N, C-alpha and C. Protein backbone atom coordinates (compact mmCIF):
# COMPACT_ATOMS: atom_id res chain seq x y z
N MET A 1 0.83 -1.22 0.05
CA MET A 1 0.17 -0.02 -0.34
C MET A 1 0.94 1.18 -0.14
N ILE A 2 0.59 2.04 -0.94
CA ILE A 2 1.42 3.52 -0.85
C ILE A 2 0.84 4.63 -0.96
N TYR A 3 1.30 5.22 -0.10
CA TYR A 3 0.22 6.50 0.28
C TYR A 3 0.86 7.71 -1.16
N CYS A 4 0.47 8.67 -1.64
CA CYS A 4 0.93 9.30 -2.89
C CYS A 4 -0.31 10.71 -2.77
N CYS A 5 0.43 11.75 -3.17
CA CYS A 5 -0.27 12.57 -3.57
C CYS A 5 -0.36 12.95 -4.98
N GLU A 6 -1.51 13.84 -5.40
CA GLU A 6 -1.49 13.95 -6.65
C GLU A 6 -0.61 13.84 -7.84
N GLU A 7 0.52 14.21 -7.56
CA GLU A 7 1.63 14.71 -8.56
C GLU A 7 2.55 13.31 -9.08
N HIS A 8 2.39 12.43 -7.25
CA HIS A 8 3.18 11.25 -7.87
C HIS A 8 2.01 10.05 -7.56
N ALA A 9 1.03 9.69 -8.11
CA ALA A 9 0.06 9.00 -8.36
C ALA A 9 0.15 8.04 -9.49
N GLU A 10 0.75 8.23 -10.34
CA GLU A 10 0.99 7.56 -11.84
C GLU A 10 2.15 6.74 -11.13
N TYR A 11 3.12 7.96 -10.73
CA TYR A 11 4.24 6.35 -10.33
C TYR A 11 3.91 5.80 -9.37
N ALA A 12 2.85 6.03 -8.70
CA ALA A 12 2.96 4.71 -7.37
C ALA A 12 1.87 3.73 -8.13
N LEU A 13 1.08 4.17 -8.77
CA LEU A 13 0.52 2.93 -9.81
C LEU A 13 1.20 2.28 -10.59
N GLU A 14 2.40 2.90 -11.14
CA GLU A 14 3.22 1.78 -11.91
C GLU A 14 4.32 1.12 -10.75
N THR A 15 4.79 1.78 -10.05
CA THR A 15 5.15 1.16 -8.81
C THR A 15 4.52 -0.29 -8.38
N VAL A 16 3.38 -0.58 -7.95
CA VAL A 16 2.68 -1.01 -7.40
C VAL A 16 2.29 -2.11 -9.15
N ILE A 17 2.07 -1.62 -9.88
CA ILE A 17 1.70 -2.73 -10.82
C ILE A 17 3.01 -3.53 -11.48
N ASN A 18 3.97 -3.06 -11.29
CA ASN A 18 5.65 -3.35 -11.44
C ASN A 18 5.88 -4.78 -10.40
N GLU A 19 5.44 -4.49 -9.01
CA GLU A 19 5.32 -5.57 -7.99
C GLU A 19 4.47 -6.60 -8.40
N SER A 20 3.45 -6.45 -8.58
CA SER A 20 2.25 -7.37 -8.47
C SER A 20 2.31 -7.79 -9.66
N GLY A 21 2.18 -7.28 -11.01
CA GLY A 21 1.66 -7.75 -12.10
C GLY A 21 0.39 -7.26 -12.23
N ARG A 22 -0.24 -6.68 -11.42
CA ARG A 22 -1.82 -7.06 -11.16
C ARG A 22 -2.13 -5.54 -11.64
N PRO A 23 -3.18 -5.00 -12.04
CA PRO A 23 -3.54 -3.55 -11.53
C PRO A 23 -4.27 -3.43 -10.48
N PRO A 24 -3.50 -1.89 -9.86
CA PRO A 24 -3.99 -1.77 -8.61
C PRO A 24 -5.03 -0.86 -8.15
N ALA A 25 -5.68 -0.97 -6.83
CA ALA A 25 -6.57 0.32 -6.83
C ALA A 25 -6.20 1.24 -5.97
N LEU A 26 -6.93 2.35 -6.89
CA LEU A 26 -5.99 3.62 -6.54
C LEU A 26 -7.78 4.15 -5.79
N GLN A 27 -7.49 4.77 -4.47
CA GLN A 27 -8.54 5.02 -3.78
C GLN A 27 -8.02 6.55 -2.35
N PRO A 28 -9.42 7.45 -2.97
CA PRO A 28 -8.59 8.14 -1.95
C PRO A 28 -8.47 8.29 -0.12
N VAL A 29 -7.46 8.89 -0.06
CA VAL A 29 -7.23 8.72 1.44
C VAL A 29 -8.36 9.05 2.60
N GLU A 30 -8.81 8.32 3.49
CA GLU A 30 -10.56 8.33 4.00
C GLU A 30 -9.86 9.56 4.97
N GLU A 31 -10.87 10.51 5.11
CA GLU A 31 -11.01 11.50 5.56
C GLU A 31 -10.47 11.42 6.81
N LYS A 32 -10.45 10.84 7.44
CA LYS A 32 -9.94 10.66 9.01
C LYS A 32 -8.31 10.60 8.79
N GLU A 33 -8.15 10.46 7.93
CA GLU A 33 -6.21 9.94 7.75
C GLU A 33 -5.71 11.37 7.24
N LEU A 34 -6.79 12.13 6.34
CA LEU A 34 -6.14 13.34 5.61
C LEU A 34 -4.63 14.04 6.28
N LEU A 35 -4.94 14.17 7.39
CA LEU A 35 -4.09 14.99 8.56
C LEU A 35 -2.40 14.09 8.80
N THR A 36 -2.57 12.93 8.83
CA THR A 36 -1.96 11.88 8.98
C THR A 36 -0.82 11.31 7.77
N LYS A 37 -1.19 11.20 7.34
CA LYS A 37 -0.95 10.32 5.85
C LYS A 37 0.04 11.21 5.09
N THR A 38 1.32 11.15 4.71
CA THR A 38 2.02 11.72 3.65
C THR A 38 2.28 10.88 2.21
N CYS A 39 2.73 11.73 1.06
CA CYS A 39 3.60 11.14 0.10
C CYS A 39 4.43 10.13 0.23
N GLU A 40 4.44 9.06 0.22
CA GLU A 40 5.79 8.66 0.26
C GLU A 40 7.02 8.90 -0.70
N TYR A 41 6.83 9.72 -1.63
CA TYR A 41 7.43 10.10 -2.55
C TYR A 41 8.21 11.60 -2.01
N CYS A 42 7.33 12.54 -2.12
CA CYS A 42 7.81 13.65 -1.00
C CYS A 42 7.38 14.54 -0.40
N GLY A 43 6.89 13.24 0.46
CA GLY A 43 6.33 13.96 2.02
C GLY A 43 4.96 15.17 2.06
N GLN A 44 4.47 15.72 0.93
CA GLN A 44 3.30 16.23 1.03
C GLN A 44 1.92 15.66 1.43
N PRO A 45 1.28 16.43 1.72
CA PRO A 45 0.00 15.52 2.06
C PRO A 45 -0.53 14.45 1.16
N ALA A 46 -1.17 13.21 1.61
CA ALA A 46 -1.42 12.30 0.73
C ALA A 46 -2.83 12.43 0.20
N VAL A 47 -3.13 12.04 -0.84
CA VAL A 47 -4.48 11.85 -1.29
C VAL A 47 -5.08 11.03 -1.49
N TYR A 48 -3.81 10.10 -2.32
CA TYR A 48 -4.45 8.62 -2.64
C TYR A 48 -3.73 7.45 -1.94
N VAL A 49 -4.75 6.92 -2.09
CA VAL A 49 -3.64 5.42 -1.27
C VAL A 49 -3.93 4.11 -2.60
N VAL A 50 -2.83 3.47 -2.85
CA VAL A 50 -2.44 2.74 -3.94
C VAL A 50 -2.14 1.57 -3.54
N ALA A 51 -2.92 0.49 -3.63
CA ALA A 51 -2.57 -0.79 -3.25
C ALA A 51 -2.86 -1.75 -4.57
N ASN A 52 -2.56 -3.23 -4.05
CA ASN A 52 -3.08 -4.07 -5.04
C ASN A 52 -4.20 -4.49 -5.22
N GLY A 53 -5.03 -4.53 -6.01
CA GLY A 53 -6.16 -4.36 -6.38
C GLY A 53 -7.20 -5.88 -5.98
N TYR A 54 -6.11 -6.79 -5.77
CA TYR A 54 -6.69 -8.61 -5.68
C TYR A 54 -6.21 -8.62 -4.21
N SER A 55 -5.44 -7.91 -3.18
CA SER A 55 -5.40 -8.06 -1.77
C SER A 55 -6.66 -8.29 -1.12
N HIS A 56 -6.17 -8.39 0.23
CA HIS A 56 -7.32 -9.05 1.04
C HIS A 56 -7.52 -7.59 1.94
N THR A 57 -6.86 -6.80 2.12
CA THR A 57 -6.39 -5.47 2.46
C THR A 57 -7.57 -4.30 2.64
N LYS A 58 -7.87 -3.74 3.34
CA LYS A 58 -9.02 -3.17 3.19
C LYS A 58 -9.50 -2.08 1.98
N TYR A 59 -8.29 -1.55 1.30
CA TYR A 59 -8.27 -0.89 0.04
C TYR A 59 -8.29 -2.00 -1.04
N GLY A 60 -7.63 -3.08 -0.67
CA GLY A 60 -7.80 -4.01 -2.00
C GLY A 60 -9.15 -4.67 -2.48
N ARG A 61 -10.03 -3.96 -1.66
CA ARG A 61 -11.53 -5.25 -2.55
C ARG A 61 -12.05 -4.63 -3.75
């Protein structure tokens, strides 16, 4: 699962595809997490979470 800003969303999608070989799920960060999650690439506030679309995790449904 990768938290990312708008600018790095495409890079996060490509990373998950390259690692898993499957299409990822792109979801907005939940409102309660907006102030605590940051982009893993630049440190700006995260607006998306990218996860393996076939994962059993909350974001991979």
